[in-house]
N, C-alpha and C. Protein backbone atom coordinates (compact mmCIF):
# COMPACT_ATOMS: atom_id res chain seq x y z
N MET A 1 12.73 -26.81 23.52
CA MET A 1 12.82 -25.58 22.35
C MET A 1 12.99 -26.40 21.33
N ASP A 2 12.38 -26.31 20.24
CA ASP A 2 12.72 -27.29 19.11
C ASP A 2 14.25 -26.28 18.43
N GLU A 3 14.37 -26.73 17.46
CA GLU A 3 15.11 -25.90 16.22
C GLU A 3 14.82 -24.61 15.93
N LEU A 4 13.60 -24.63 15.30
CA LEU A 4 12.96 -23.93 14.75
C LEU A 4 12.64 -22.33 15.57
N ASP A 5 12.36 -23.02 16.69
CA ASP A 5 11.91 -21.77 17.94
C ASP A 5 13.41 -21.03 18.63
N ARG A 6 14.38 -21.90 18.48
CA ARG A 6 15.42 -21.05 18.81
C ARG A 6 16.17 -20.40 17.65
N LEU A 7 15.90 -20.81 16.37
CA LEU A 7 16.19 -19.63 15.40
C LEU A 7 15.64 -18.75 15.35
N ARG A 8 13.99 -18.93 15.48
CA ARG A 8 13.18 -17.57 15.76
C ARG A 8 13.53 -16.82 16.69
N TRP A 9 14.12 -17.20 17.88
CA TRP A 9 14.50 -16.10 18.62
C TRP A 9 16.13 -15.66 18.30
N GLN A 10 17.04 -16.31 17.41
CA GLN A 10 18.22 -15.72 17.25
C GLN A 10 17.91 -14.66 16.10
N CYS A 11 16.66 -14.96 15.46
CA CYS A 11 16.23 -13.70 14.24
C CYS A 11 15.94 -12.36 15.29
N ARG A 12 15.83 -12.29 16.51
CA ARG A 12 15.04 -11.16 16.82
C ARG A 12 16.13 -10.63 17.10
N ARG A 13 16.40 -9.29 16.49
CA ARG A 13 17.76 -8.40 16.54
C ARG A 13 17.68 -7.04 17.09
N GLY A 14 16.20 -6.70 17.14
CA GLY A 14 15.69 -5.35 17.56
C GLY A 14 15.77 -4.36 16.80
N THR A 15 16.09 -4.70 15.47
CA THR A 15 15.57 -4.06 14.32
C THR A 15 14.59 -4.26 13.39
N LYS A 16 13.55 -3.53 13.02
CA LYS A 16 12.97 -4.27 12.40
C LYS A 16 13.65 -4.35 11.03
N GLU A 17 14.60 -3.67 10.40
CA GLU A 17 14.99 -4.25 8.83
C GLU A 17 15.16 -5.63 9.03
N LEU A 18 16.28 -5.86 10.08
CA LEU A 18 17.12 -7.24 10.50
C LEU A 18 15.52 -8.15 10.75
N ASP A 19 15.05 -7.79 11.82
CA ASP A 19 14.09 -8.77 12.19
C ASP A 19 13.19 -9.64 10.64
N PHE A 20 13.02 -8.47 10.07
CA PHE A 20 11.68 -8.73 9.01
C PHE A 20 12.72 -9.83 8.25
N LEU A 21 13.74 -9.46 7.80
CA LEU A 21 14.73 -10.22 6.38
C LEU A 21 14.62 -11.61 7.20
N LEU A 22 15.54 -11.82 8.56
CA LEU A 22 15.50 -12.55 8.88
C LEU A 22 14.74 -14.22 9.18
N ASN A 23 13.39 -12.99 9.68
CA ASN A 23 12.47 -14.18 10.23
C ASN A 23 11.63 -14.71 8.47
N ARG A 24 11.55 -13.46 7.67
CA ARG A 24 10.93 -14.00 6.18
C ARG A 24 11.59 -14.78 5.62
N TYR A 25 12.89 -14.96 5.60
CA TYR A 25 13.81 -15.93 5.08
C TYR A 25 13.47 -17.65 6.32
N LEU A 26 13.30 -17.27 7.37
CA LEU A 26 13.62 -18.37 8.05
C LEU A 26 11.77 -19.52 7.91
N GLU A 27 10.80 -18.35 7.78
CA GLU A 27 9.63 -18.91 7.30
C GLU A 27 9.25 -19.41 6.31
N THR A 28 10.24 -19.07 5.10
CA THR A 28 9.97 -19.46 3.61
C THR A 28 11.07 -20.12 3.26
N GLY A 29 12.31 -20.10 2.85
CA GLY A 29 13.61 -20.08 2.44
C GLY A 29 14.31 -21.35 3.39
N TYR A 30 13.98 -21.05 4.75
CA TYR A 30 14.77 -21.80 5.55
C TYR A 30 14.27 -23.51 5.58
N LEU A 31 12.90 -23.61 5.42
CA LEU A 31 12.05 -24.94 5.66
C LEU A 31 12.60 -25.45 4.24
N VAL A 32 12.59 -25.25 3.42
CA VAL A 32 12.93 -25.75 1.76
C VAL A 32 14.48 -26.07 1.46
N ALA A 33 15.30 -25.08 2.36
CA ALA A 33 16.82 -25.39 2.16
C ALA A 33 17.44 -26.50 2.57
N ASP A 34 18.46 -26.73 1.71
CA ASP A 34 19.37 -28.27 2.30
C ASP A 34 20.01 -27.78 3.50
N GLN A 35 21.07 -29.11 4.07
CA GLN A 35 21.63 -28.77 5.22
C GLN A 35 22.36 -27.82 5.12
N GLY A 36 23.30 -27.86 4.05
CA GLY A 36 24.60 -26.68 3.70
C GLY A 36 23.73 -25.46 4.04
N GLU A 37 22.71 -25.40 3.26
CA GLU A 37 22.35 -23.61 3.43
C GLU A 37 21.93 -23.26 4.75
N ARG A 38 21.24 -24.53 5.51
CA ARG A 38 20.87 -24.35 7.00
C ARG A 38 22.03 -23.83 7.61
N ASP A 39 22.90 -24.49 7.29
CA ASP A 39 24.49 -24.63 8.39
C ASP A 39 24.58 -23.14 8.16
N LEU A 40 24.63 -22.44 6.92
CA LEU A 40 25.05 -21.18 6.54
C LEU A 40 24.61 -20.20 7.27
N PHE A 41 22.89 -20.55 7.13
CA PHE A 41 22.06 -19.47 7.81
C PHE A 41 22.32 -19.44 9.62
N VAL A 42 22.19 -20.43 10.27
CA VAL A 42 23.08 -20.67 11.79
C VAL A 42 24.41 -19.45 11.42
N GLU A 43 25.14 -20.22 11.16
CA GLU A 43 26.52 -19.17 10.92
C GLU A 43 26.30 -17.78 10.61
N LEU A 44 25.37 -17.35 9.54
CA LEU A 44 25.40 -15.93 8.92
C LEU A 44 24.39 -15.32 10.49
N LEU A 45 23.47 -16.14 11.15
CA LEU A 45 22.85 -15.53 12.46
C LEU A 45 24.01 -15.17 14.03
N GLY A 46 25.10 -15.64 14.23
CA GLY A 46 26.05 -15.47 14.55
C GLY A 46 27.11 -14.20 14.33
N LEU A 47 26.62 -13.55 13.39
CA LEU A 47 27.40 -12.05 13.26
C LEU A 47 27.14 -11.22 14.10
N GLU A 48 27.41 -10.14 14.24
CA GLU A 48 27.02 -9.49 15.34
C GLU A 48 26.32 -8.28 14.65
N ASP A 49 25.89 -7.74 15.28
CA ASP A 49 24.02 -7.26 14.77
C ASP A 49 24.97 -5.87 13.60
N ASP A 50 25.92 -5.30 13.51
CA ASP A 50 26.47 -3.97 13.20
C ASP A 50 26.79 -4.75 11.81
N VAL A 51 27.80 -5.86 11.67
CA VAL A 51 28.21 -6.27 10.58
C VAL A 51 27.13 -7.07 9.64
N LEU A 52 26.16 -8.04 10.09
CA LEU A 52 24.71 -8.63 9.53
C LEU A 52 24.41 -7.61 9.17
N VAL A 53 23.90 -6.36 9.54
CA VAL A 53 23.16 -5.47 8.43
C VAL A 53 24.16 -5.01 7.60
N GLY A 54 25.39 -4.42 7.53
CA GLY A 54 25.94 -4.40 6.44
C GLY A 54 26.45 -5.89 5.49
N VAL A 55 26.27 -6.47 6.01
CA VAL A 55 26.40 -7.77 4.82
C VAL A 55 24.56 -7.82 3.81
N LEU A 56 23.88 -7.69 4.74
CA LEU A 56 22.28 -8.03 4.20
C LEU A 56 22.25 -6.16 3.41
N MET A 57 22.67 -5.54 3.96
CA MET A 57 22.37 -4.44 2.79
C MET A 57 23.24 -3.97 1.71
N GLY A 58 24.54 -4.92 1.75
CA GLY A 58 24.99 -4.78 0.42
C GLY A 58 26.38 -4.16 0.72
N GLU A 59 26.44 -3.69 2.25
CA GLU A 59 28.01 -2.57 2.37
C GLU A 59 29.07 -3.11 2.69
N LEU A 60 28.82 -4.69 3.41
CA LEU A 60 30.46 -5.49 3.16
C LEU A 60 30.02 -6.57 2.51
N GLU A 61 31.46 -7.08 2.02
CA GLU A 61 31.39 -7.99 1.56
C GLU A 61 31.35 -9.66 2.20
N VAL A 62 30.62 -10.56 1.96
CA VAL A 62 30.50 -11.42 2.43
C VAL A 62 31.62 -12.76 2.11
N VAL A 63 32.04 -13.45 2.70
CA VAL A 63 33.14 -14.64 3.03
C VAL A 63 32.22 -15.69 3.06
N GLY A 64 33.09 -16.87 3.03
CA GLY A 64 32.70 -18.35 3.24
C GLY A 64 31.84 -18.54 2.03
N GLY A 65 31.55 -18.64 1.51
CA GLY A 65 30.63 -19.20 0.23
C GLY A 65 29.02 -18.48 1.01
N MET A 66 29.06 -17.85 1.37
CA MET A 66 27.57 -16.80 1.66
C MET A 66 27.09 -16.37 0.91
N GLU A 67 27.36 -15.79 0.02
CA GLU A 67 27.06 -15.06 -1.26
C GLU A 67 25.46 -15.46 -1.60
N VAL A 68 25.41 -16.42 -1.93
CA VAL A 68 23.91 -16.87 -2.59
C VAL A 68 22.65 -17.00 -1.25
N LEU A 69 23.33 -17.57 -0.18
CA LEU A 69 22.72 -17.02 0.76
C LEU A 69 21.89 -15.94 0.95
N VAL A 70 22.84 -15.22 0.81
CA VAL A 70 22.77 -13.57 1.86
C VAL A 70 21.58 -12.96 0.54
N GLY A 71 22.01 -13.21 -0.95
CA GLY A 71 20.73 -12.92 -1.97
C GLY A 71 19.73 -13.95 -1.84
N LYS A 72 19.59 -14.57 -1.18
CA LYS A 72 18.26 -15.14 -0.96
C LYS A 72 17.59 -14.45 0.30
N VAL A 73 18.29 -14.14 1.10
CA VAL A 73 17.64 -13.61 2.37
C VAL A 73 17.48 -12.39 1.52
N ARG A 74 17.95 -11.62 0.93
CA ARG A 74 17.75 -10.28 0.31
C ARG A 74 16.24 -10.31 -0.65
N CYS A 75 16.08 -11.64 -1.19
CA CYS A 75 14.73 -11.81 -2.29
C CYS A 75 13.64 -11.80 -1.18
N PHE A 76 13.74 -12.73 -0.23
CA PHE A 76 12.65 -12.76 0.75
C PHE A 76 11.80 -11.32 1.37
N CYS A 77 12.47 -10.20 1.01
CA CYS A 77 12.16 -8.86 1.08
C CYS A 77 11.33 -8.39 0.49
N ILE A 78 11.03 -9.00 -0.83
CA ILE A 78 9.98 -8.59 -1.56
C ILE A 78 9.02 -8.91 -1.93
């Protein structure tokens, strides 16, 4: 299993909203991201689903320099 296949699997979260946001970013933004942003995306995928929903919906603050990445993930839903 290559890296993109592994990440696609990790993007499957069981809710349409999360699946859509994460997969949309993976298929578009991740492919052109630098290594630092890719590392942050992997870190983002490591969050628990309830925390991840809160972060992506703007209900929870983001730490660790993920603000820009979260903004990009949100933009890919338009």
